[in-house]
Amino acid sequence: MTANAKSGPHRRIVLTGFMGSGKTTVGPLVAARLGWKFLDVDDVIEAEAGATIAELFASHGETAFREREHTTVARVASGDALVLALGGGAIERPETRDLLLNLPGTLVVHLEVELATTLARCRGTERVRPILADQANLVSRYQKRLPLYRMAHVSIPVDALTPEQAVEAILVAAGLN
């Protein structure tokens, strides 16, 4: 585990990482342990748009989706007692990254997985994961995003961890265990 977490009390935890890293599995568990609220940015976007992420990508393109995603993150990220799961590509946008990394009281946690873990965990979900369906560009996206994910305050390798072990590692990193 690498850490460069800012000192001070954490009022929110933001989970980032490639698809299949466990953000939407581990996030609610962390929130439950802390008695905090859990939000998945993709769920918020889908509810507000009345369309799935895959439909938004298909009808408006990735650039428009990333704009909507940034706006949503900026709106919801300042809540207290919050665990927030980002979409896998949210970290690519510098404004989103900078906002989260510099928001007081925020701990950005990268759940790091090998690409092989992603493929194993996400097999059969290509229909709902536009990036996974684009096999030709999957490796390059993973390689492009990895250094950006590692800009998080904390990176936790989760390939071999159970969800409960990942929760413990996050709570330890946040000083909230």
Protein backbone atom coordinates (compact mmCIF):
# COMPACT_ATOMS: atom_id res chain seq x y z
CA MET A 1 0.00 0.00 0.00
CA THR A 2 1.29 3.43 -0.88
CA ALA A 3 0.06 6.47 0.95
CA ASN A 4 0.37 10.20 0.70
CA ALA A 5 -2.90 11.01 2.43
CA LYS A 6 -3.36 14.55 3.61
CA SER A 7 -3.52 14.87 7.36
CA GLY A 8 -6.72 15.87 9.05
CA PRO A 9 -10.05 14.22 9.66
CA HIS A 10 -11.57 12.54 6.65
CA ARG A 11 -15.20 13.43 6.03
CA ARG A 12 -15.49 11.55 2.76
CA ILE A 13 -13.79 8.68 0.97
CA VAL A 14 -13.65 8.61 -2.82
CA LEU A 15 -12.97 5.26 -4.47
CA THR A 16 -11.32 5.16 -7.86
CA GLY A 17 -9.88 2.39 -9.97
CA PHE A 18 -10.32 0.46 -13.18
CA MET A 19 -13.52 -1.47 -13.78
CA GLY A 20 -13.71 -4.61 -11.68
CA SER A 21 -11.61 -3.12 -8.89
CA GLY A 22 -14.52 -3.42 -6.46
CA LYS A 23 -15.63 0.19 -6.05
CA THR A 24 -19.36 -0.59 -6.12
CA THR A 25 -18.93 -3.75 -4.04
CA VAL A 26 -16.61 -2.33 -1.37
CA GLY A 27 -18.04 1.20 -1.24
CA PRO A 28 -21.38 0.30 0.39
CA LEU A 29 -19.54 -1.93 2.89
CA VAL A 30 -17.23 0.93 3.89
CA ALA A 31 -20.22 3.28 4.20
CA ALA A 32 -22.11 0.76 6.34
CA ARG A 33 -19.14 0.29 8.67
CA LEU A 34 -18.85 4.06 9.14
CA GLY A 35 -22.58 4.84 9.19
CA TRP A 36 -22.03 7.06 6.15
CA LYS A 37 -23.94 7.45 2.88
CA PHE A 38 -22.78 5.64 -0.26
CA LEU A 39 -23.14 7.12 -3.75
CA ASP A 40 -22.06 5.59 -7.05
CA VAL A 41 -21.54 8.39 -9.57
CA ASP A 42 -22.64 6.15 -12.45
CA ASP A 43 -25.93 5.39 -10.64
CA VAL A 44 -26.55 9.10 -10.06
CA ILE A 45 -25.88 9.88 -13.73
CA GLU A 46 -28.16 7.06 -14.94
CA ALA A 47 -30.99 8.12 -12.62
CA GLU A 48 -30.75 11.76 -13.68
CA ALA A 49 -30.38 11.02 -17.40
CA GLY A 50 -32.99 8.27 -17.51
CA ALA A 51 -30.51 6.22 -19.56
CA THR A 52 -27.73 3.73 -18.93
CA ILE A 53 -24.06 4.65 -19.19
CA ALA A 54 -23.81 2.47 -22.32
CA GLU A 55 -26.78 4.34 -23.86
CA LEU A 56 -25.24 7.72 -23.01
CA PHE A 57 -21.93 6.67 -24.61
CA ALA A 58 -23.75 5.43 -27.72
CA SER A 59 -26.03 8.42 -28.18
CA HIS A 60 -23.81 11.32 -27.06
CA GLY A 61 -20.22 9.99 -27.13
CA GLU A 62 -17.57 9.73 -24.46
CA THR A 63 -16.67 13.44 -24.41
CA ALA A 64 -20.23 14.48 -23.54
CA PHE A 65 -20.44 11.70 -20.98
CA ARG A 66 -17.21 12.85 -19.27
CA GLU A 67 -18.58 16.41 -19.08
CA ARG A 68 -21.77 15.14 -17.44
CA GLU A 69 -19.69 12.96 -15.13
CA HIS A 70 -17.50 15.89 -14.03
CA THR A 71 -20.52 18.08 -13.33
CA THR A 72 -22.09 15.30 -11.26
CA VAL A 73 -18.90 14.65 -9.26
CA ALA A 74 -18.46 18.37 -8.59
CA ARG A 75 -22.03 18.58 -7.29
CA VAL A 76 -22.05 15.51 -5.02
CA ALA A 77 -18.43 15.27 -3.83
CA SER A 78 -18.61 17.86 -1.09
CA GLY A 79 -21.08 15.91 1.04
CA ASP A 80 -19.93 14.91 4.51
CA ALA A 81 -20.01 11.35 5.85
CA LEU A 82 -19.90 10.11 2.24
CA VAL A 83 -18.31 7.22 0.39
CA LEU A 84 -18.27 8.02 -3.32
CA ALA A 85 -17.51 5.49 -6.06
CA LEU A 86 -16.26 7.03 -9.30
CA GLY A 87 -16.67 5.58 -12.74
CA GLY A 88 -13.41 4.04 -13.98
CA GLY A 89 -12.66 6.88 -16.39
CA ALA A 90 -13.55 9.84 -14.16
CA ILE A 91 -9.94 10.21 -13.08
CA GLU A 92 -8.86 10.92 -16.68
CA ARG A 93 -10.31 14.42 -16.59
CA PRO A 94 -7.78 16.77 -14.90
CA GLU A 95 -10.49 19.01 -13.43
CA THR A 96 -12.19 16.06 -11.74
CA ARG A 97 -8.88 14.71 -10.44
CA ASP A 98 -7.76 18.08 -9.11
CA LEU A 99 -11.12 18.76 -7.47
CA LEU A 100 -11.08 15.48 -5.55
CA LEU A 101 -7.40 15.45 -4.64
CA ASN A 102 -7.60 18.97 -3.21
CA LEU A 103 -11.04 18.90 -1.56
CA PRO A 104 -10.48 19.30 2.21
CA GLY A 105 -11.57 16.28 4.24
CA THR A 106 -11.40 13.97 1.23
CA LEU A 107 -9.37 10.78 0.98
CA VAL A 108 -9.07 9.46 -2.59
CA VAL A 109 -8.42 5.72 -2.53
CA HIS A 110 -7.25 3.82 -5.60
CA LEU A 111 -8.36 0.18 -5.61
CA GLU A 112 -5.62 -1.26 -7.80
CA VAL A 113 -6.19 -4.38 -9.89
CA GLU A 114 -4.24 -6.11 -12.61
CA LEU A 115 -5.93 -6.11 -16.01
CA ALA A 116 -6.31 -9.91 -15.77
CA THR A 117 -8.37 -9.42 -12.61
CA THR A 118 -10.62 -6.94 -14.40
CA LEU A 119 -11.20 -9.36 -17.26
CA ALA A 120 -11.99 -12.22 -14.88
CA ARG A 121 -14.33 -10.18 -12.69
CA CYS A 122 -16.13 -8.42 -15.55
CA ARG A 123 -16.52 -11.30 -18.00
CA GLY A 124 -20.02 -11.22 -19.49
CA THR A 125 -20.72 -7.54 -18.73
CA GLU A 126 -19.54 -6.10 -22.05
CA ARG A 127 -23.10 -5.04 -22.91
CA VAL A 128 -23.25 -2.63 -19.96
CA ARG A 129 -19.57 -1.61 -19.89
CA PRO A 130 -18.75 0.33 -23.07
CA ILE A 131 -15.00 0.41 -22.34
CA LEU A 132 -14.84 -3.36 -21.77
CA ALA A 133 -16.65 -3.99 -25.03
CA ASP A 134 -13.90 -2.05 -26.84
CA GLN A 135 -11.30 -4.83 -26.54
CA ALA A 136 -8.99 -3.22 -29.09
CA ASN A 137 -8.41 -0.24 -26.81
CA LEU A 138 -8.80 -1.88 -23.40
CA VAL A 139 -5.10 -2.45 -22.70
CA SER A 140 -4.12 1.06 -23.76
CA ARG A 141 -6.89 2.58 -21.59
CA TYR A 142 -5.71 0.55 -18.61
CA GLN A 143 -2.10 1.63 -19.16
CA LYS A 144 -3.12 5.27 -19.65
CA ARG A 145 -5.25 5.35 -16.50
CA LEU A 146 -2.95 3.48 -14.11
CA PRO A 147 -0.57 6.42 -13.44
CA LEU A 148 -3.59 8.69 -12.99
CA TYR A 149 -5.16 6.32 -10.46
CA ARG A 150 -1.86 6.20 -8.62
CA MET A 151 -2.11 9.95 -8.04
CA ALA A 152 -4.74 9.09 -5.39
CA HIS A 153 -3.85 9.73 -1.76
CA VAL A 154 -3.69 5.96 -1.22
CA SER A 155 -3.32 2.96 -3.56
CA ILE A 156 -4.37 -0.45 -2.28
CA PRO A 157 -3.70 -3.60 -4.34
CA VAL A 158 -6.96 -5.54 -4.12
CA ASP A 159 -6.49 -8.43 -6.55
CA ALA A 160 -6.13 -10.99 -3.77
CA LEU A 161 -8.33 -9.29 -1.15
CA THR A 162 -11.87 -10.24 -0.24
CA PRO A 163 -14.30 -7.32 -0.10
CA GLU A 164 -14.08 -7.40 3.72
CA GLN A 165 -10.27 -7.25 3.60
CA ALA A 166 -10.45 -4.32 1.18
CA VAL A 167 -12.82 -2.53 3.58
CA GLU A 168 -10.33 -3.03 6.43
CA ALA A 169 -7.45 -1.72 4.29
CA ILE A 170 -9.46 1.38 3.36
CA LEU A 171 -10.45 2.07 6.96
CA VAL A 172 -6.84 1.68 8.11
CA ALA A 173 -5.64 4.02 5.35
CA ALA A 174 -8.27 6.57 6.38
CA GLY A 175 -7.44 6.23 10.08
CA LEU A 176 -11.09 5.35 10.69
CA ASN A 177 -10.82 1.74 11.88
